[in-house]
Amino acid sequence: MSDASTGLDAGAAAVLGAAIGGTTTLLVGVIGPWVKERVERKSRSAETLIAAKRVAISAFVRALGNLLIAKESGSSIKVPGIEAAIAHTEVALLLNRDERPIESMCAATLNALLRPEGAMALGYLQSGLHKWFNGELSAEQARDRFTVLVEAAGNEQAAAEADDDA
């Protein structure tokens, strides 16, 4: 090769390198902040949803407590029942498909409060929600554990009633 062709190749390589470097710098400068903002926005959205779930679940448990207090004191359960049903709907609207077992636990507890083992179901719900929210159990594991405990409480209640009838 001659010195002229080597110089041309080196010059072309320098121009090509500068073009690639400039394009990369431009893309990083333009796209980088956009990607960063998108990731941050998504993170804020997830944090907001978690906070909304926490508030809705707390309101639901509080409404269930009010329903239980009204039931145990012999007061009308109409208003506390409606409040609990509304709070249940708010929880259900915030949960995603993978969290549907949590909604199932909430619905079962609301229904159980009308039966003798209702107070126990509320305690089991609170325990399951705590373990699920803290990541100790999946939604399905929390629901399965809740179901076993509520069924056992119902069986114990039925046995106690059978003993009373005997």
N, C-alpha and C. Protein backbone atom coordinates (compact mmCIF):
# COMPACT_ATOMS: atom_id res chain seq x y z
N MET A 1 0.83 -1.17 0.00
CA MET A 1 0.00 0.00 0.00
C MET A 1 0.87 1.23 0.00
N SER A 2 0.37 2.27 -0.63
CA SER A 2 1.13 3.51 -0.67
C SER A 2 0.80 4.36 0.54
N ASP A 3 1.61 5.33 0.78
CA ASP A 3 1.38 6.24 1.90
C ASP A 3 0.10 7.03 1.70
N ALA A 4 -0.27 7.32 0.46
CA ALA A 4 -1.47 8.10 0.18
C ALA A 4 -2.72 7.30 0.53
N SER A 5 -2.74 5.99 0.19
CA SER A 5 -3.93 5.21 0.50
C SER A 5 -4.05 4.94 2.00
N THR A 6 -2.93 4.80 2.68
CA THR A 6 -2.95 4.60 4.12
C THR A 6 -3.45 5.86 4.80
N GLY A 7 -3.02 7.01 4.32
CA GLY A 7 -3.48 8.28 4.87
C GLY A 7 -4.97 8.47 4.64
N LEU A 8 -5.45 8.05 3.47
CA LEU A 8 -6.87 8.15 3.17
C LEU A 8 -7.68 7.23 4.05
N ASP A 9 -7.19 6.01 4.23
CA ASP A 9 -7.89 5.06 5.10
C ASP A 9 -7.93 5.57 6.54
N ALA A 10 -6.82 6.13 7.00
CA ALA A 10 -6.77 6.67 8.36
C ALA A 10 -7.69 7.87 8.49
N GLY A 11 -7.72 8.70 7.47
CA GLY A 11 -8.61 9.87 7.48
C GLY A 11 -10.07 9.45 7.48
N ALA A 12 -10.40 8.47 6.64
CA ALA A 12 -11.78 7.97 6.59
C ALA A 12 -12.18 7.36 7.93
N ALA A 13 -11.25 6.63 8.53
CA ALA A 13 -11.52 6.02 9.82
C ALA A 13 -11.75 7.09 10.88
N ALA A 14 -10.99 8.17 10.83
CA ALA A 14 -11.14 9.26 11.80
C ALA A 14 -12.49 9.94 11.63
N VAL A 15 -12.88 10.17 10.38
CA VAL A 15 -14.18 10.80 10.12
C VAL A 15 -15.32 9.87 10.57
N LEU A 16 -15.19 8.60 10.23
CA LEU A 16 -16.21 7.62 10.63
C LEU A 16 -16.29 7.53 12.14
N GLY A 17 -15.16 7.51 12.83
CA GLY A 17 -15.14 7.45 14.28
C GLY A 17 -15.78 8.67 14.90
N ALA A 18 -15.50 9.84 14.32
CA ALA A 18 -16.10 11.08 14.83
C ALA A 18 -17.61 11.06 14.61
N ALA A 19 -18.05 10.55 13.48
CA ALA A 19 -19.49 10.48 13.19
C ALA A 19 -20.20 9.54 14.16
N ILE A 20 -19.59 8.39 14.40
CA ILE A 20 -20.19 7.43 15.33
C ILE A 20 -20.20 8.01 16.75
N GLY A 21 -19.10 8.61 17.16
CA GLY A 21 -19.02 9.22 18.49
C GLY A 21 -20.02 10.34 18.66
N GLY A 22 -20.13 11.18 17.63
CA GLY A 22 -21.09 12.30 17.69
C GLY A 22 -22.52 11.81 17.76
N THR A 23 -22.85 10.79 16.96
CA THR A 23 -24.20 10.23 16.96
C THR A 23 -24.53 9.60 18.31
N THR A 24 -23.57 8.87 18.85
CA THR A 24 -23.76 8.24 20.14
C THR A 24 -23.98 9.29 21.22
N THR A 25 -23.18 10.33 21.22
CA THR A 25 -23.32 11.40 22.20
C THR A 25 -24.69 12.07 22.06
N LEU A 26 -25.12 12.30 20.84
CA LEU A 26 -26.43 12.91 20.60
C LEU A 26 -27.54 12.01 21.11
N LEU A 27 -27.47 10.73 20.79
CA LEU A 27 -28.51 9.80 21.24
C LEU A 27 -28.56 9.69 22.77
N VAL A 28 -27.40 9.57 23.38
CA VAL A 28 -27.35 9.47 24.85
C VAL A 28 -27.88 10.76 25.47
N GLY A 29 -27.52 11.88 24.87
CA GLY A 29 -27.97 13.17 25.40
C GLY A 29 -29.46 13.38 25.27
N VAL A 30 -30.05 12.86 24.20
CA VAL A 30 -31.48 13.05 23.95
C VAL A 30 -32.30 11.92 24.57
N ILE A 31 -31.92 10.70 24.32
CA ILE A 31 -32.71 9.54 24.77
C ILE A 31 -32.48 9.23 26.24
N GLY A 32 -31.25 9.43 26.73
CA GLY A 32 -30.93 9.10 28.12
C GLY A 32 -31.87 9.75 29.12
N PRO A 33 -32.05 11.07 29.08
CA PRO A 33 -32.95 11.72 30.03
C PRO A 33 -34.40 11.25 29.88
N TRP A 34 -34.81 10.98 28.66
CA TRP A 34 -36.18 10.50 28.42
C TRP A 34 -36.38 9.14 29.08
N VAL A 35 -35.42 8.23 28.90
CA VAL A 35 -35.52 6.90 29.50
C VAL A 35 -35.50 7.02 31.03
N LYS A 36 -34.62 7.85 31.55
CA LYS A 36 -34.52 8.04 32.99
C LYS A 36 -35.84 8.57 33.55
N GLU A 37 -36.42 9.56 32.91
CA GLU A 37 -37.70 10.13 33.36
C GLU A 37 -38.81 9.08 33.32
N ARG A 38 -38.81 8.27 32.29
CA ARG A 38 -39.83 7.22 32.17
C ARG A 38 -39.72 6.21 33.30
N VAL A 39 -38.51 5.79 33.61
CA VAL A 39 -38.28 4.83 34.69
C VAL A 39 -38.69 5.45 36.03
N GLU A 40 -38.32 6.71 36.27
CA GLU A 40 -38.69 7.38 37.51
C GLU A 40 -40.20 7.55 37.63
N ARG A 41 -40.86 7.88 36.53
CA ARG A 41 -42.31 8.05 36.55
C ARG A 41 -43.00 6.73 36.86
N LYS A 42 -42.51 5.65 36.26
CA LYS A 42 -43.08 4.33 36.52
C LYS A 42 -42.89 3.93 37.99
N SER A 43 -41.73 4.24 38.55
CA SER A 43 -41.45 3.95 39.94
C SER A 43 -42.37 4.74 40.86
N ARG A 44 -42.58 6.02 40.55
CA ARG A 44 -43.49 6.85 41.36
C ARG A 44 -44.91 6.31 41.27
N SER A 45 -45.30 5.86 40.10
CA SER A 45 -46.65 5.31 39.91
C SER A 45 -46.83 4.05 40.75
N ALA A 46 -45.83 3.18 40.78
CA ALA A 46 -45.91 1.95 41.57
C ALA A 46 -45.99 2.29 43.06
N GLU A 47 -45.20 3.27 43.50
CA GLU A 47 -45.22 3.68 44.91
C GLU A 47 -46.58 4.26 45.28
N THR A 48 -47.17 5.03 44.37
CA THR A 48 -48.48 5.62 44.61
C THR A 48 -49.54 4.52 44.73
N LEU A 49 -49.46 3.51 43.88
CA LEU A 49 -50.41 2.41 43.93
C LEU A 49 -50.28 1.62 45.23
N ILE A 50 -49.06 1.37 45.67
CA ILE A 50 -48.85 0.66 46.94
C ILE A 50 -49.44 1.46 48.09
N ALA A 51 -49.23 2.77 48.09
CA ALA A 51 -49.79 3.62 49.14
C ALA A 51 -51.31 3.59 49.10
N ALA A 52 -51.88 3.63 47.91
CA ALA A 52 -53.35 3.58 47.77
C ALA A 52 -53.90 2.25 48.28
N LYS A 53 -53.21 1.16 47.99
CA LYS A 53 -53.64 -0.14 48.50
C LYS A 53 -53.59 -0.16 50.02
N ARG A 54 -52.52 0.38 50.59
CA ARG A 54 -52.39 0.41 52.05
C ARG A 54 -53.56 1.17 52.67
N VAL A 55 -53.90 2.33 52.11
CA VAL A 55 -55.00 3.15 52.64
C VAL A 55 -56.33 2.42 52.49
N ALA A 56 -56.57 1.83 51.33
CA ALA A 56 -57.84 1.14 51.08
C ALA A 56 -58.00 -0.09 51.97
N ILE A 57 -56.94 -0.85 52.13
CA ILE A 57 -57.00 -2.05 52.97
C ILE A 57 -57.22 -1.65 54.43
N SER A 58 -56.55 -0.61 54.88
CA SER A 58 -56.75 -0.13 56.26
C SER A 58 -58.19 0.33 56.47
N ALA A 59 -58.73 1.05 55.50
CA ALA A 59 -60.12 1.51 55.60
C ALA A 59 -61.08 0.33 55.62
N PHE A 60 -60.79 -0.70 54.82
CA PHE A 60 -61.65 -1.89 54.79
C PHE A 60 -61.62 -2.61 56.14
N VAL A 61 -60.44 -2.82 56.69
CA VAL A 61 -60.33 -3.51 57.98
C VAL A 61 -61.03 -2.69 59.07
N ARG A 62 -60.88 -1.37 59.03
CA ARG A 62 -61.56 -0.51 60.00
C ARG A 62 -63.08 -0.64 59.85
N ALA A 63 -63.57 -0.67 58.60
CA ALA A 63 -65.01 -0.82 58.36
C ALA A 63 -65.50 -2.18 58.86
N LEU A 64 -64.69 -3.23 58.68
CA LEU A 64 -65.07 -4.54 59.20
C LEU A 64 -65.13 -4.52 60.73
N GLY A 65 -64.18 -3.83 61.35
CA GLY A 65 -64.20 -3.69 62.80
C GLY A 65 -65.46 -2.99 63.29
N ASN A 66 -65.85 -1.92 62.59
CA ASN A 66 -67.08 -1.21 62.94
C ASN A 66 -68.30 -2.10 62.76
N LEU A 67 -68.31 -2.91 61.72
CA LEU A 67 -69.40 -3.84 61.49
C LEU A 67 -69.47 -4.87 62.61
N LEU A 68 -68.32 -5.39 63.01
CA LEU A 68 -68.27 -6.38 64.09
C LEU A 68 -68.74 -5.77 65.41
N ILE A 69 -68.32 -4.55 65.70
CA ILE A 69 -68.74 -3.87 66.93
C ILE A 69 -70.26 -3.68 66.93
N ALA A 70 -70.81 -3.25 65.81
CA ALA A 70 -72.26 -3.07 65.71
C ALA A 70 -72.99 -4.39 65.91
N LYS A 71 -72.49 -5.43 65.29
CA LYS A 71 -73.12 -6.75 65.40
C LYS A 71 -73.07 -7.25 66.85
N GLU A 72 -71.90 -7.16 67.47
CA GLU A 72 -71.73 -7.67 68.83
C GLU A 72 -72.52 -6.86 69.85
N SER A 73 -72.74 -5.57 69.58
CA SER A 73 -73.47 -4.74 70.53
C SER A 73 -74.98 -4.79 70.30
N GLY A 74 -75.39 -5.47 69.27
CA GLY A 74 -76.82 -5.58 68.97
C GLY A 74 -77.37 -4.39 68.21
N SER A 75 -76.50 -3.50 67.76
CA SER A 75 -76.93 -2.34 66.98
C SER A 75 -77.23 -2.77 65.54
N SER A 76 -77.83 -1.86 64.81
CA SER A 76 -78.10 -2.14 63.40
C SER A 76 -76.78 -2.26 62.65
N ILE A 77 -76.72 -3.24 61.79
CA ILE A 77 -75.50 -3.44 61.00
C ILE A 77 -75.65 -2.88 59.58
N LYS A 78 -76.77 -2.23 59.31
CA LYS A 78 -77.03 -1.74 57.95
C LYS A 78 -75.96 -0.75 57.49
N VAL A 79 -75.76 0.33 58.22
CA VAL A 79 -74.79 1.36 57.81
C VAL A 79 -73.37 0.81 57.83
N PRO A 80 -72.93 0.16 58.93
CA PRO A 80 -71.57 -0.40 58.89
C PRO A 80 -71.39 -1.45 57.78
N GLY A 81 -72.44 -2.18 57.48
CA GLY A 81 -72.36 -3.17 56.40
C GLY A 81 -72.17 -2.52 55.05
N ILE A 82 -72.89 -1.43 54.82
CA ILE A 82 -72.75 -0.69 53.56
C ILE A 82 -71.35 -0.09 53.47
N GLU A 83 -70.86 0.48 54.57
CA GLU A 83 -69.51 1.06 54.57
C GLU A 83 -68.46 0.00 54.29
N ALA A 84 -68.63 -1.18 54.87
CA ALA A 84 -67.68 -2.27 54.63
C ALA A 84 -67.74 -2.74 53.17
N ALA A 85 -68.94 -2.80 52.61
CA ALA A 85 -69.08 -3.21 51.21
C ALA A 85 -68.42 -2.20 50.27
N ILE A 86 -68.58 -0.92 50.56
CA ILE A 86 -67.94 0.12 49.74
C ILE A 86 -66.42 0.03 49.86
N ALA A 87 -65.94 -0.14 51.09
CA ALA A 87 -64.50 -0.26 51.31
C ALA A 87 -63.94 -1.49 50.60
N HIS A 88 -64.72 -2.58 50.60
CA HIS A 88 -64.31 -3.80 49.89
C HIS A 88 -64.16 -3.52 48.40
N THR A 89 -65.10 -2.80 47.84
CA THR A 89 -65.04 -2.46 46.42
C THR A 89 -63.79 -1.63 46.11
N GLU A 90 -63.46 -0.69 46.99
CA GLU A 90 -62.27 0.13 46.77
C GLU A 90 -61.01 -0.74 46.77
N VAL A 91 -60.94 -1.70 47.67
CA VAL A 91 -59.79 -2.62 47.69
C VAL A 91 -59.74 -3.42 46.39
N ALA A 92 -60.88 -3.97 46.01
CA ALA A 92 -60.94 -4.81 44.81
C ALA A 92 -60.50 -4.05 43.56
N LEU A 93 -60.84 -2.79 43.47
CA LEU A 93 -60.47 -1.99 42.29
C LEU A 93 -58.97 -1.72 42.19
N LEU A 94 -58.28 -1.77 43.31
CA LEU A 94 -56.84 -1.49 43.31
C LEU A 94 -55.97 -2.71 43.09
N LEU A 95 -56.53 -3.89 43.27
CA LEU A 95 -55.73 -5.12 43.18
C LEU A 95 -55.58 -5.57 41.74
N ASN A 96 -54.40 -6.07 41.40
CA ASN A 96 -54.20 -6.60 40.05
C ASN A 96 -54.60 -8.08 40.01
N ARG A 97 -54.49 -8.68 38.85
CA ARG A 97 -54.93 -10.06 38.66
C ARG A 97 -54.23 -11.03 39.62
N ASP A 98 -52.94 -10.86 39.83
CA ASP A 98 -52.19 -11.75 40.72
C ASP A 98 -52.60 -11.59 42.18
N GLU A 99 -53.22 -10.47 42.50
CA GLU A 99 -53.62 -10.20 43.88
C GLU A 99 -55.09 -10.52 44.15
N ARG A 100 -55.79 -11.10 43.19
CA ARG A 100 -57.21 -11.43 43.36
C ARG A 100 -57.48 -12.35 44.56
N PRO A 101 -56.57 -13.24 44.93
CA PRO A 101 -56.84 -14.04 46.14
C PRO A 101 -57.01 -13.16 47.39
N ILE A 102 -56.38 -12.01 47.43
CA ILE A 102 -56.55 -11.09 48.56
C ILE A 102 -57.97 -10.56 48.57
N GLU A 103 -58.49 -10.23 47.41
CA GLU A 103 -59.88 -9.77 47.32
C GLU A 103 -60.83 -10.86 47.77
N SER A 104 -60.51 -12.10 47.42
CA SER A 104 -61.32 -13.24 47.85
C SER A 104 -61.35 -13.36 49.37
N MET A 105 -60.19 -13.15 50.01
CA MET A 105 -60.12 -13.17 51.48
C MET A 105 -60.98 -12.07 52.07
N CYS A 106 -60.92 -10.89 51.47
CA CYS A 106 -61.70 -9.76 51.97
C CYS A 106 -63.20 -10.04 51.87
N ALA A 107 -63.62 -10.57 50.74
CA ALA A 107 -65.04 -10.89 50.55
C ALA A 107 -65.50 -11.97 51.53
N ALA A 108 -64.66 -12.98 51.72
CA ALA A 108 -65.02 -14.06 52.65
C ALA A 108 -65.14 -13.54 54.08
N THR A 109 -64.27 -12.61 54.46
CA THR A 109 -64.33 -12.05 55.81
C THR A 109 -65.60 -11.22 55.98
N LEU A 110 -65.92 -10.43 55.00
CA LEU A 110 -67.14 -9.63 55.06
C LEU A 110 -68.36 -10.54 55.24
N ASN A 111 -68.40 -11.63 54.49
CA ASN A 111 -69.51 -12.59 54.62
C ASN A 111 -69.47 -13.32 55.96
N ALA A 112 -68.27 -13.63 56.43
CA ALA A 112 -68.12 -14.38 57.69
C ALA A 112 -68.56 -13.56 58.89
N LEU A 113 -68.47 -12.25 58.79
CA LEU A 113 -68.86 -11.42 59.93
C LEU A 113 -70.34 -11.57 60.27
N LEU A 114 -71.09 -12.11 59.39
CA LEU A 114 -72.51 -12.36 59.66
C LEU A 114 -72.74 -13.71 60.32
N ARG A 115 -71.67 -14.48 60.47
CA ARG A 115 -71.75 -15.79 61.13
C ARG A 115 -71.03 -15.73 62.47
N PRO A 116 -71.22 -16.75 63.31
CA PRO A 116 -70.59 -16.73 64.64
C PRO A 116 -69.06 -16.63 64.61
N GLU A 117 -68.39 -17.21 63.63
CA GLU A 117 -66.93 -17.18 63.60
C GLU A 117 -66.37 -15.91 62.95
N GLY A 118 -67.21 -14.92 62.76
CA GLY A 118 -66.81 -13.69 62.07
C GLY A 118 -65.64 -12.97 62.70
N ALA A 119 -65.62 -12.88 64.03
CA ALA A 119 -64.52 -12.17 64.70
C ALA A 119 -63.20 -12.88 64.43
N MET A 120 -63.22 -14.19 64.42
CA MET A 120 -62.00 -14.94 64.14
C MET A 120 -61.55 -14.72 62.70
N ALA A 121 -62.51 -14.67 61.78
CA ALA A 121 -62.18 -14.45 60.36
C ALA A 121 -61.51 -13.09 60.18
N LEU A 122 -61.97 -12.09 60.92
CA LEU A 122 -61.35 -10.77 60.82
C LEU A 122 -59.90 -10.82 61.28
N GLY A 123 -59.64 -11.52 62.34
CA GLY A 123 -58.26 -11.68 62.82
C GLY A 123 -57.40 -12.41 61.81
N TYR A 124 -57.95 -13.46 61.21
CA TYR A 124 -57.19 -14.22 60.20
C TYR A 124 -56.92 -13.36 58.97
N LEU A 125 -57.91 -12.53 58.60
CA LEU A 125 -57.72 -11.62 57.46
C LEU A 125 -56.58 -10.64 57.75
N GLN A 126 -56.62 -10.05 58.93
CA GLN A 126 -55.58 -9.08 59.27
C GLN A 126 -54.19 -9.72 59.24
N SER A 127 -54.08 -10.91 59.77
CA SER A 127 -52.80 -11.62 59.77
C SER A 127 -52.34 -11.92 58.35
N GLY A 128 -53.25 -12.41 57.53
CA GLY A 128 -52.91 -12.74 56.14
C GLY A 128 -52.54 -11.50 55.33
N LEU A 129 -53.29 -10.41 55.53
CA LEU A 129 -52.98 -9.17 54.81
C LEU A 129 -51.60 -8.65 55.20
N HIS A 130 -51.30 -8.72 56.48
CA HIS A 130 -50.00 -8.26 56.96
C HIS A 130 -48.88 -9.06 56.31
N LYS A 131 -49.01 -10.38 56.31
CA LYS A 131 -47.96 -11.24 55.74
C LYS A 131 -47.84 -11.04 54.22
N TRP A 132 -48.96 -10.84 53.55
CA TRP A 132 -48.93 -10.61 52.10
C TRP A 132 -48.31 -9.26 51.78
N PHE A 133 -48.75 -8.22 52.48
CA PHE A 133 -48.27 -6.87 52.18
C PHE A 133 -46.77 -6.75 52.43
N ASN A 134 -46.27 -7.49 53.41
CA ASN A 134 -44.84 -7.46 53.72
C ASN A 134 -44.03 -8.44 52.89
N GLY A 135 -44.69 -9.17 51.99
CA GLY A 135 -43.98 -10.07 51.10
C GLY A 135 -43.64 -11.41 51.70
N GLU A 136 -44.18 -11.73 52.87
CA GLU A 136 -43.90 -13.01 53.51
C GLU A 136 -44.69 -14.14 52.85
N LEU A 137 -45.85 -13.81 52.28
CA LEU A 137 -46.69 -14.79 51.59
C LEU A 137 -47.13 -14.21 50.26
N SER A 138 -47.31 -15.08 49.26
CA SER A 138 -47.93 -14.63 48.01
C SER A 138 -49.42 -14.44 48.28
N ALA A 139 -50.12 -13.83 47.35
CA ALA A 139 -51.56 -13.64 47.51
C ALA A 139 -52.26 -15.00 47.65
N GLU A 140 -51.86 -15.96 46.83
CA GLU A 140 -52.47 -17.29 46.89
C GLU A 140 -52.17 -17.99 48.22
N GLN A 141 -50.94 -17.89 48.69
CA GLN A 141 -50.59 -18.51 49.98
C GLN A 141 -51.38 -17.88 51.12
N ALA A 142 -51.53 -16.57 51.09
CA ALA A 142 -52.30 -15.88 52.13
C ALA A 142 -53.75 -16.34 52.11
N ARG A 143 -54.33 -16.44 50.89
CA ARG A 143 -55.72 -16.89 50.78
C ARG A 143 -55.88 -18.32 51.26
N ASP A 144 -54.97 -19.20 50.86
CA ASP A 144 -55.07 -20.61 51.26
C ASP A 144 -54.96 -20.76 52.77
N ARG A 145 -54.03 -20.03 53.38
CA ARG A 145 -53.87 -20.07 54.84
C ARG A 145 -55.13 -19.55 55.51
N PHE A 146 -55.67 -18.44 55.01
CA PHE A 146 -56.89 -17.85 55.54
C PHE A 146 -58.05 -18.85 55.46
N THR A 147 -58.20 -19.50 54.31
CA THR A 147 -59.29 -20.44 54.10
C THR A 147 -59.23 -21.59 55.10
N VAL A 148 -58.05 -22.14 55.29
CA VAL A 148 -57.88 -23.25 56.23
C VAL A 148 -58.26 -22.81 57.64
N LEU A 149 -57.80 -21.64 58.05
CA LEU A 149 -58.09 -21.15 59.40
C LEU A 149 -59.58 -20.87 59.60
N VAL A 150 -60.22 -20.24 58.63
CA VAL A 150 -61.65 -19.94 58.75
C VAL A 150 -62.48 -21.21 58.77
N GLU A 151 -62.12 -22.17 57.90
CA GLU A 151 -62.86 -23.44 57.90
C GLU A 151 -62.70 -24.16 59.23
N ALA A 152 -61.49 -24.14 59.79
CA ALA A 152 -61.26 -24.78 61.08
C ALA A 152 -62.07 -24.09 62.17
N ALA A 153 -62.14 -22.77 62.13
CA ALA A 153 -62.94 -22.02 63.11
C ALA A 153 -64.41 -22.36 62.96
N GLY A 154 -64.88 -22.49 61.72
CA GLY A 154 -66.28 -22.85 61.49
C GLY A 154 -66.58 -24.25 61.99
N ASN A 155 -65.65 -25.17 61.80
CA ASN A 155 -65.84 -26.54 62.29
C ASN A 155 -65.88 -26.58 63.82
N GLU A 156 -65.01 -25.80 64.45
CA GLU A 156 -65.01 -25.73 65.92
C GLU A 156 -66.31 -25.13 66.42
N GLN A 157 -66.81 -24.10 65.75
CA GLN A 157 -68.08 -23.47 66.14
C GLN A 157 -69.23 -24.45 65.98
N ALA A 158 -69.24 -25.21 64.89
CA ALA A 158 -70.30 -26.20 64.66
C ALA A 158 -70.25 -27.28 65.73
N ALA A 159 -69.04 -27.71 66.10
CA ALA A 159 -68.91 -28.74 67.14
C ALA A 159 -69.39 -28.20 68.49
N ALA A 160 -69.08 -26.95 68.78
CA ALA A 160 -69.52 -26.35 70.04
C ALA A 160 -71.05 -26.25 70.08
N GLU A 161 -71.65 -25.87 68.96
CA GLU A 161 -73.11 -25.78 68.90
C GLU A 161 -73.74 -27.14 69.03
N ALA A 162 -73.11 -28.18 68.46
CA ALA A 162 -73.65 -29.54 68.59
C ALA A 162 -73.58 -30.00 70.04
N ASP A 163 -72.50 -29.64 70.74
CA ASP A 163 -72.39 -29.98 72.17
C ASP A 163 -73.46 -29.28 72.99
N ASP A 164 -73.75 -28.02 72.63
CA ASP A 164 -74.78 -27.26 73.35
C ASP A 164 -76.16 -27.87 73.14
N ASP A 165 -76.41 -28.42 71.95
CA ASP A 165 -77.70 -29.03 71.64
C ASP A 165 -77.87 -30.38 72.30
N ALA A 166 -76.77 -31.02 72.65
CA ALA A 166 -76.83 -32.38 73.21
C ALA A 166 -77.27 -32.39 74.64
